[in-house]
Amino acid sequence: SAMPRTRVKICGLTRGQDLAAAVAAGADAIGLVFYAPSPRAVTAEQARGLVAALPPFVTSVGLFVDAEPDFVRSVLARVP
């Protein structure tokens, strides 16, 4: 049987050019940080623009740290 394929996620992207480089390098997923104290944090509006630029075969993943459920729901409602 075939070996399972390793998937690669690159986390903490904040700029379109970095996202494009990750996709070009073969990333299967990109991670967006929704933790304001992090230097890699993005707003829901920034995330929406980044996710809109993703090709259909690349998954987006949100990283939250001790977030209230309402905050997570709010981000998910604004970032498809």
PDB file of N, CA and C in Angstrom:
ATOM      1  N   SER A   1       0.835  -1.190   0.000  1.00  0.00           N
ATOM      2  CA  SER A   1       0.000   0.000   0.000  1.00  0.00           C
ATOM      3  C   SER A   1       0.881   1.255   0.000  1.00  0.00           C
ATOM      4  N   ALA A   2       0.312   2.328  -0.497  1.00  0.00           N
ATOM      5  CA  ALA A   2       1.065   3.584  -0.593  1.00  0.00           C
ATOM      6  C   ALA A   2       1.239   4.206   0.793  1.00  0.00           C
ATOM      7  N   MET A   3       2.360   4.883   0.962  1.00  0.00           N
ATOM      8  CA  MET A   3       2.600   5.602   2.222  1.00  0.00           C
ATOM      9  C   MET A   3       1.664   6.812   2.272  1.00  0.00           C
ATOM     10  N   PRO A   4       1.191   7.160   3.456  1.00  0.00           N
ATOM     11  CA  PRO A   4       0.354   8.360   3.548  1.00  0.00           C
ATOM     12  C   PRO A   4       1.155   9.599   3.153  1.00  0.00           C
ATOM     13  N   ARG A   5       0.478  10.511   2.487  1.00  0.00           N
ATOM     14  CA  ARG A   5       1.129  11.732   2.036  1.00  0.00           C
ATOM     15  C   ARG A   5       1.213  12.725   3.185  1.00  0.00           C
ATOM     16  N   THR A   6       2.374  13.313   3.369  1.00  0.00           N
ATOM     17  CA  THR A   6       2.559  14.355   4.375  1.00  0.00           C
ATOM     18  C   THR A   6       2.009  15.661   3.832  1.00  0.00           C
ATOM     19  N   ARG A   7       1.216  16.332   4.641  1.00  0.00           N
ATOM     20  CA  ARG A   7       0.687  17.644   4.250  1.00  0.00           C
ATOM     21  C   ARG A   7       1.476  18.720   4.986  1.00  0.00           C
ATOM     22  N   VAL A   8       1.654  19.867   4.328  1.00  0.00           N
ATOM     23  CA  VAL A   8       2.456  20.958   4.893  1.00  0.00           C
ATOM     24  C   VAL A   8       1.578  22.189   5.087  1.00  0.00           C
ATOM     25  N   LYS A   9       1.618  22.742   6.318  1.00  0.00           N
ATOM     26  CA  LYS A   9       0.919  23.995   6.621  1.00  0.00           C
ATOM     27  C   LYS A   9       1.969  25.017   7.037  1.00  0.00           C
ATOM     28  N   ILE A  10       1.890  26.196   6.461  1.00  0.00           N
ATOM     29  CA  ILE A  10       2.781  27.294   6.828  1.00  0.00           C
ATOM     30  C   ILE A  10       1.925  28.323   7.566  1.00  0.00           C
ATOM     31  N   CYS A  11       2.318  28.617   8.793  1.00  0.00           N
ATOM     32  CA  CYS A  11       1.493  29.441   9.675  1.00  0.00           C
ATOM     33  C   CYS A  11       2.111  30.828   9.876  1.00  0.00           C
ATOM     34  N   GLY A  12       1.254  31.785  10.203  1.00  0.00           N
ATOM     35  CA  GLY A  12       1.729  33.119  10.552  1.00  0.00           C
ATOM     36  C   GLY A  12       1.902  34.050   9.372  1.00  0.00           C
ATOM     37  N   LEU A  13       1.279  33.726   8.251  1.00  0.00           N
ATOM     38  CA  LEU A  13       1.407  34.592   7.073  1.00  0.00           C
ATOM     39  C   LEU A  13       0.554  35.842   7.264  1.00  0.00           C
ATOM     40  N   THR A  14       1.116  36.978   6.877  1.00  0.00           N
ATOM     41  CA  THR A  14       0.403  38.248   7.040  1.00  0.00           C
ATOM     42  C   THR A  14       0.346  39.063   5.751  1.00  0.00           C
ATOM     43  N   ARG A  15       1.138  38.674   4.753  1.00  0.00           N
ATOM     44  CA  ARG A  15       1.221  39.470   3.520  1.00  0.00           C
ATOM     45  C   ARG A  15       0.930  38.595   2.302  1.00  0.00           C
ATOM     46  N   GLY A  16       0.299  39.214   1.310  1.00  0.00           N
ATOM     47  CA  GLY A  16      -0.034  38.496   0.092  1.00  0.00           C
ATOM     48  C   GLY A  16       1.162  37.868  -0.588  1.00  0.00           C
ATOM     49  N   GLN A  17       2.303  38.578  -0.596  1.00  0.00           N
ATOM     50  CA  GLN A  17       3.476  38.021  -1.280  1.00  0.00           C
ATOM     51  C   GLN A  17       4.013  36.790  -0.556  1.00  0.00           C
ATOM     52  N   ASP A  18       3.884  36.754   0.763  1.00  0.00           N
ATOM     53  CA  ASP A  18       4.315  35.577   1.516  1.00  0.00           C
ATOM     54  C   ASP A  18       3.370  34.402   1.257  1.00  0.00           C
ATOM     55  N   LEU A  19       2.090  34.702   1.187  1.00  0.00           N
ATOM     56  CA  LEU A  19       1.110  33.674   0.872  1.00  0.00           C
ATOM     57  C   LEU A  19       1.393  33.093  -0.509  1.00  0.00           C
ATOM     58  N   ALA A  20       1.649  33.945  -1.484  1.00  0.00           N
ATOM     59  CA  ALA A  20       1.947  33.480  -2.843  1.00  0.00           C
ATOM     60  C   ALA A  20       3.193  32.607  -2.862  1.00  0.00           C
ATOM     61  N   ALA A  21       4.204  32.977  -2.091  1.00  0.00           N
ATOM     62  CA  ALA A  21       5.435  32.178  -2.031  1.00  0.00           C
ATOM     63  C   ALA A  21       5.162  30.821  -1.396  1.00  0.00           C
ATOM     64  N   ALA A  22       4.337  30.786  -0.351  1.00  0.00           N
ATOM     65  CA  ALA A  22       4.003  29.517   0.304  1.00  0.00           C
ATOM     66  C   ALA A  22       3.256  28.596  -0.651  1.00  0.00           C
ATOM     67  N   VAL A  23       2.311  29.155  -1.387  1.00  0.00           N
ATOM     68  CA  VAL A  23       1.558  28.365  -2.366  1.00  0.00           C
ATOM     69  C   VAL A  23       2.489  27.853  -3.458  1.00  0.00           C
ATOM     70  N   ALA A  24       3.356  28.726  -3.967  1.00  0.00           N
ATOM     71  CA  ALA A  24       4.295  28.327  -5.025  1.00  0.00           C
ATOM     72  C   ALA A  24       5.250  27.238  -4.542  1.00  0.00           C
ATOM     73  N   ALA A  25       5.560  27.246  -3.246  1.00  0.00           N
ATOM     74  CA  ALA A  25       6.468  26.245  -2.681  1.00  0.00           C
ATOM     75  C   ALA A  25       5.762  24.920  -2.407  1.00  0.00           C
ATOM     76  N   GLY A  26       4.444  24.897  -2.593  1.00  0.00           N
ATOM     77  CA  GLY A  26       3.712  23.642  -2.446  1.00  0.00           C
ATOM     78  C   GLY A  26       2.970  23.456  -1.139  1.00  0.00           C
ATOM     79  N   ALA A  27       2.759  24.522  -0.378  1.00  0.00           N
ATOM     80  CA  ALA A  27       2.019  24.388   0.884  1.00  0.00           C
ATOM     81  C   ALA A  27       0.615  23.857   0.616  1.00  0.00           C
ATOM     82  N   ASP A  28       0.180  22.942   1.466  1.00  0.00           N
ATOM     83  CA  ASP A  28      -1.174  22.400   1.373  1.00  0.00           C
ATOM     84  C   ASP A  28      -2.166  23.264   2.139  1.00  0.00           C
ATOM     85  N   ALA A  29      -1.657  24.008   3.117  1.00  0.00           N
ATOM     86  CA  ALA A  29      -2.510  24.842   3.958  1.00  0.00           C
ATOM     87  C   ALA A  29      -1.711  26.037   4.458  1.00  0.00           C
ATOM     88  N   ILE A  30      -2.448  27.099   4.775  1.00  0.00           N
ATOM     89  CA  ILE A  30      -1.814  28.266   5.384  1.00  0.00           C
ATOM     90  C   ILE A  30      -2.543  28.556   6.690  1.00  0.00           C
ATOM     91  N   GLY A  31      -1.785  28.990   7.686  1.00  0.00           N
ATOM     92  CA  GLY A  31      -2.358  29.297   8.985  1.00  0.00           C
ATOM     93  C   GLY A  31      -2.402  30.791   9.222  1.00  0.00           C
ATOM     94  N   LEU A  32      -3.534  31.252   9.729  1.00  0.00           N
ATOM     95  CA  LEU A  32      -3.727  32.666  10.034  1.00  0.00           C
ATOM     96  C   LEU A  32      -3.888  32.815  11.542  1.00  0.00           C
ATOM     97  N   VAL A  33      -3.123  33.719  12.127  1.00  0.00           N
ATOM     98  CA  VAL A  33      -3.079  33.887  13.579  1.00  0.00           C
ATOM     99  C   VAL A  33      -4.056  34.983  13.999  1.00  0.00           C
ATOM    100  N   PHE A  34      -5.027  34.619  14.840  1.00  0.00           N
ATOM    101  CA  PHE A  34      -6.000  35.564  15.377  1.00  0.00           C
ATOM    102  C   PHE A  34      -5.755  35.731  16.878  1.00  0.00           C
ATOM    103  N   TYR A  35      -4.529  36.094  17.211  1.00  0.00           N
ATOM    104  CA  TYR A  35      -4.121  36.320  18.599  1.00  0.00           C
ATOM    105  C   TYR A  35      -3.378  37.646  18.607  1.00  0.00           C
ATOM    106  N   ALA A  36      -4.075  38.707  19.008  1.00  0.00           N
ATOM    107  CA  ALA A  36      -3.566  40.074  18.867  1.00  0.00           C
ATOM    108  C   ALA A  36      -2.143  40.301  19.381  1.00  0.00           C
ATOM    109  N   PRO A  37      -1.710  39.697  20.502  1.00  0.00           N
ATOM    110  CA  PRO A  37      -0.339  39.953  20.964  1.00  0.00           C
ATOM    111  C   PRO A  37       0.755  39.415  20.036  1.00  0.00           C
ATOM    112  N   SER A  38       0.405  38.538  19.135  1.00  0.00           N
ATOM    113  CA  SER A  38       1.419  37.959  18.243  1.00  0.00           C
ATOM    114  C   SER A  38       1.826  38.943  17.154  1.00  0.00           C
ATOM    115  N   PRO A  39       3.121  39.012  16.834  1.00  0.00           N
ATOM    116  CA  PRO A  39       3.541  39.858  15.709  1.00  0.00           C
ATOM    117  C   PRO A  39       3.023  39.324  14.377  1.00  0.00           C
ATOM    118  N   ARG A  40       2.533  38.114  14.352  1.00  0.00           N
ATOM    119  CA  ARG A  40       1.991  37.492  13.137  1.00  0.00           C
ATOM    120  C   ARG A  40       0.470  37.587  13.055  1.00  0.00           C
ATOM    121  N   ALA A  41      -0.150  38.311  13.979  1.00  0.00           N
ATOM    122  CA  ALA A  41      -1.611  38.399  14.023  1.00  0.00           C
ATOM    123  C   ALA A  41      -2.160  39.147  12.817  1.00  0.00           C
ATOM    124  N   VAL A  42      -3.338  38.712  12.376  1.00  0.00           N
ATOM    125  CA  VAL A  42      -4.076  39.404  11.320  1.00  0.00           C
ATOM    126  C   VAL A  42      -5.487  39.692  11.830  1.00  0.00           C
ATOM    127  N   THR A  43      -6.109  40.697  11.255  1.00  0.00           N
ATOM    128  CA  THR A  43      -7.514  40.979  11.536  1.00  0.00           C
ATOM    129  C   THR A  43      -8.363  40.099  10.625  1.00  0.00           C
ATOM    130  N   ALA A  44      -9.646  40.024  10.930  1.00  0.00           N
ATOM    131  CA  ALA A  44     -10.551  39.260  10.071  1.00  0.00           C
ATOM    132  C   ALA A  44     -10.559  39.844   8.660  1.00  0.00           C
ATOM    133  N   GLU A  45     -10.474  41.164   8.556  1.00  0.00           N
ATOM    134  CA  GLU A  45     -10.483  41.799   7.238  1.00  0.00           C
ATOM    135  C   GLU A  45      -9.224  41.431   6.446  1.00  0.00           C
ATOM    136  N   GLN A  46      -8.063  41.462   7.114  1.00  0.00           N
ATOM    137  CA  GLN A  46      -6.825  41.048   6.437  1.00  0.00           C
ATOM    138  C   GLN A  46      -6.926  39.585   6.016  1.00  0.00           C
ATOM    139  N   ALA A  47      -7.439  38.760   6.906  1.00  0.00           N
ATOM    140  CA  ALA A  47      -7.558  37.328   6.613  1.00  0.00           C
ATOM    141  C   ALA A  47      -8.477  37.088   5.425  1.00  0.00           C
ATOM    142  N   ARG A  48      -9.566  37.845   5.345  1.00  0.00           N
ATOM    143  CA  ARG A  48     -10.496  37.674   4.227  1.00  0.00           C
ATOM    144  C   ARG A  48      -9.782  37.911   2.897  1.00  0.00           C
ATOM    145  N   GLY A  49      -8.955  38.943   2.831  1.00  0.00           N
ATOM    146  CA  GLY A  49      -8.203  39.213   1.607  1.00  0.00           C
ATOM    147  C   GLY A  49      -7.206  38.120   1.285  1.00  0.00           C
ATOM    148  N   LEU A  50      -6.526  37.611   2.298  1.00  0.00           N
ATOM    149  CA  LEU A  50      -5.550  36.543   2.073  1.00  0.00           C
ATOM    150  C   LEU A  50      -6.244  35.265   1.605  1.00  0.00           C
ATOM    151  N   VAL A  51      -7.335  34.902   2.268  1.00  0.00           N
ATOM    152  CA  VAL A  51      -8.055  33.677   1.906  1.00  0.00           C
ATOM    153  C   VAL A  51      -8.627  33.786   0.494  1.00  0.00           C
ATOM    154  N   ALA A  52      -9.085  34.970   0.121  1.00  0.00           N
ATOM    155  CA  ALA A  52      -9.639  35.159  -1.226  1.00  0.00           C
ATOM    156  C   ALA A  52      -8.591  34.901  -2.303  1.00  0.00           C
ATOM    157  N   ALA A  53      -7.320  35.088  -1.967  1.00  0.00           N
ATOM    158  CA  ALA A  53      -6.241  34.896  -2.942  1.00  0.00           C
ATOM    159  C   ALA A  53      -5.773  33.442  -3.030  1.00  0.00           C
ATOM    160  N   LEU A  54      -6.283  32.582  -2.154  1.00  0.00           N
ATOM    161  CA  LEU A  54      -5.833  31.186  -2.156  1.00  0.00           C
ATOM    162  C   LEU A  54      -6.430  30.401  -3.317  1.00  0.00           C
ATOM    163  N   PRO A  55      -5.635  29.546  -3.940  1.00  0.00           N
ATOM    164  CA  PRO A  55      -6.215  28.633  -4.926  1.00  0.00           C
ATOM    165  C   PRO A  55      -7.100  27.609  -4.203  1.00  0.00           C
ATOM    166  N   PRO A  56      -8.023  26.975  -4.921  1.00  0.00           N
ATOM    167  CA  PRO A  56      -8.987  26.087  -4.266  1.00  0.00           C
ATOM    168  C   PRO A  56      -8.372  24.872  -3.563  1.00  0.00           C
ATOM    169  N   PHE A  57      -7.178  24.478  -3.933  1.00  0.00           N
ATOM    170  CA  PHE A  57      -6.578  23.275  -3.342  1.00  0.00           C
ATOM    171  C   PHE A  57      -5.773  23.564  -2.077  1.00  0.00           C
ATOM    172  N   VAL A  58      -5.711  24.829  -1.654  1.00  0.00           N
ATOM    173  CA  VAL A  58      -4.973  25.190  -0.435  1.00  0.00           C
ATOM    174  C   VAL A  58      -5.986  25.535   0.660  1.00  0.00           C
ATOM    175  N   THR A  59      -5.841  24.888   1.801  1.00  0.00           N
ATOM    176  CA  THR A  59      -6.750  25.062   2.929  1.00  0.00           C
ATOM    177  C   THR A  59      -6.273  26.206   3.823  1.00  0.00           C
ATOM    178  N   SER A  60      -7.227  26.958   4.367  1.00  0.00           N
ATOM    179  CA  SER A  60      -6.871  27.972   5.363  1.00  0.00           C
ATOM    180  C   SER A  60      -7.248  27.451   6.750  1.00  0.00           C
ATOM    181  N   VAL A  61      -6.393  27.766   7.729  1.00  0.00           N
ATOM    182  CA  VAL A  61      -6.579  27.316   9.109  1.00  0.00           C
ATOM    183  C   VAL A  61      -6.428  28.532  10.013  1.00  0.00           C
ATOM    184  N   GLY A  62      -7.327  28.678  10.964  1.00  0.00           N
ATOM    185  CA  GLY A  62      -7.236  29.774  11.923  1.00  0.00           C
ATOM    186  C   GLY A  62      -6.630  29.310  13.232  1.00  0.00           C
ATOM    187  N   LEU A  63      -5.740  30.120  13.783  1.00  0.00           N
ATOM    188  CA  LEU A  63      -5.137  29.847  15.088  1.00  0.00           C
ATOM    189  C   LEU A  63      -5.681  30.862  16.087  1.00  0.00           C
ATOM    190  N   PHE A  64      -6.292  30.363  17.147  1.00  0.00           N
ATOM    191  CA  PHE A  64      -6.850  31.197  18.206  1.00  0.00           C
ATOM    192  C   PHE A  64      -6.223  30.763  19.527  1.00  0.00           C
ATOM    193  N   VAL A  65      -5.981  31.715  20.424  1.00  0.00           N
ATOM    194  CA  VAL A  65      -5.410  31.407  21.737  1.00  0.00           C
ATOM    195  C   VAL A  65      -6.383  31.896  22.810  1.00  0.00           C
ATOM    196  N   ASP A  66      -6.935  30.964  23.562  1.00  0.00           N
ATOM    197  CA  ASP A  66      -7.865  31.292  24.651  1.00  0.00           C
ATOM    198  C   ASP A  66      -8.959  32.268  24.213  1.00  0.00           C
ATOM    199  N   ALA A  67      -9.438  32.105  22.989  1.00  0.00           N
ATOM    200  CA  ALA A  67     -10.438  33.034  22.449  1.00  0.00           C
ATOM    201  C   ALA A  67     -11.836  32.673  22.945  1.00  0.00           C
ATOM    202  N   GLU A  68     -12.641  33.690  23.145  1.00  0.00           N
ATOM    203  CA  GLU A  68     -14.046  33.483  23.483  1.00  0.00           C
ATOM    204  C   GLU A  68     -14.757  32.902  22.259  1.00  0.00           C
ATOM    205  N   PRO A  69     -15.711  32.002  22.463  1.00  0.00           N
ATOM    206  CA  PRO A  69     -16.436  31.420  21.326  1.00  0.00           C
ATOM    207  C   PRO A  69     -17.069  32.466  20.411  1.00  0.00           C
ATOM    208  N   ASP A  70     -17.580  33.563  20.980  1.00  0.00           N
ATOM    209  CA  ASP A  70     -18.189  34.605  20.145  1.00  0.00           C
ATOM    210  C   ASP A  70     -17.166  35.237  19.205  1.00  0.00           C
ATOM    211  N   PHE A  71     -15.928  35.401  19.674  1.00  0.00           N
ATOM    212  CA  PHE A  71     -14.880  35.960  18.814  1.00  0.00           C
ATOM    213  C   PHE A  71     -14.573  35.002  17.665  1.00  0.00           C
ATOM    214  N   VAL A  72     -14.461  33.720  17.970  1.00  0.00           N
ATOM    215  CA  VAL A  72     -14.186  32.729  16.924  1.00  0.00           C
ATOM    216  C   VAL A  72     -15.322  32.726  15.905  1.00  0.00           C
ATOM    217  N   ARG A  73     -16.566  32.713  16.374  1.00  0.00           N
ATOM    218  CA  ARG A  73     -17.713  32.732  15.454  1.00  0.00           C
ATOM    219  C   ARG A  73     -17.712  33.990  14.597  1.00  0.00           C
ATOM    220  N   SER A  74     -17.357  35.124  15.197  1.00  0.00           N
ATOM    221  CA  SER A  74     -17.314  36.389  14.460  1.00  0.00           C
ATOM    222  C   SER A  74     -16.286  36.333  13.331  1.00  0.00           C
ATOM    223  N   VAL A  75     -15.110  35.805  13.626  1.00  0.00           N
ATOM    224  CA  VAL A  75     -14.071  35.681  12.594  1.00  0.00           C
ATOM    225  C   VAL A  75     -14.536  34.730  11.501  1.00  0.00           C
ATOM    226  N   LEU A  76     -15.079  33.577  11.889  1.00  0.00           N
ATOM    227  CA  LEU A  76     -15.514  32.597  10.892  1.00  0.00           C
ATOM    228  C   LEU A  76     -16.631  33.135  10.009  1.00  0.00           C
ATOM    229  N   ALA A  77     -17.471  34.009  10.550  1.00  0.00           N
ATOM    230  CA  ALA A  77     -18.541  34.607   9.752  1.00  0.00           C
ATOM    231  C   ALA A  77     -17.989  35.583   8.721  1.00  0.00           C
ATOM    232  N   ARG A  78     -16.849  36.195   9.016  1.00  0.00           N
ATOM    233  CA  ARG A  78     -16.274  37.202   8.117  1.00  0.00           C
ATOM    234  C   ARG A  78     -15.217  36.650   7.176  1.00  0.00           C
ATOM    235  N   VAL A  79     -14.658  35.503   7.505  1.00  0.00           N
ATOM    236  CA  VAL A  79     -13.607  34.905   6.669  1.00  0.00           C
ATOM    237  C   VAL A  79     -14.135  33.574   6.146  1.00  0.00           C
ATOM    238  N   PRO A  80     -14.487  33.521   4.870  1.00  0.00           N
ATOM    239  CA  PRO A  80     -15.086  32.280   4.337  1.00  0.00           C
ATOM    240  C   PRO A  80     -14.138  31.092   4.368  1.00  0.00           C
TER     241      PRO A  80
END
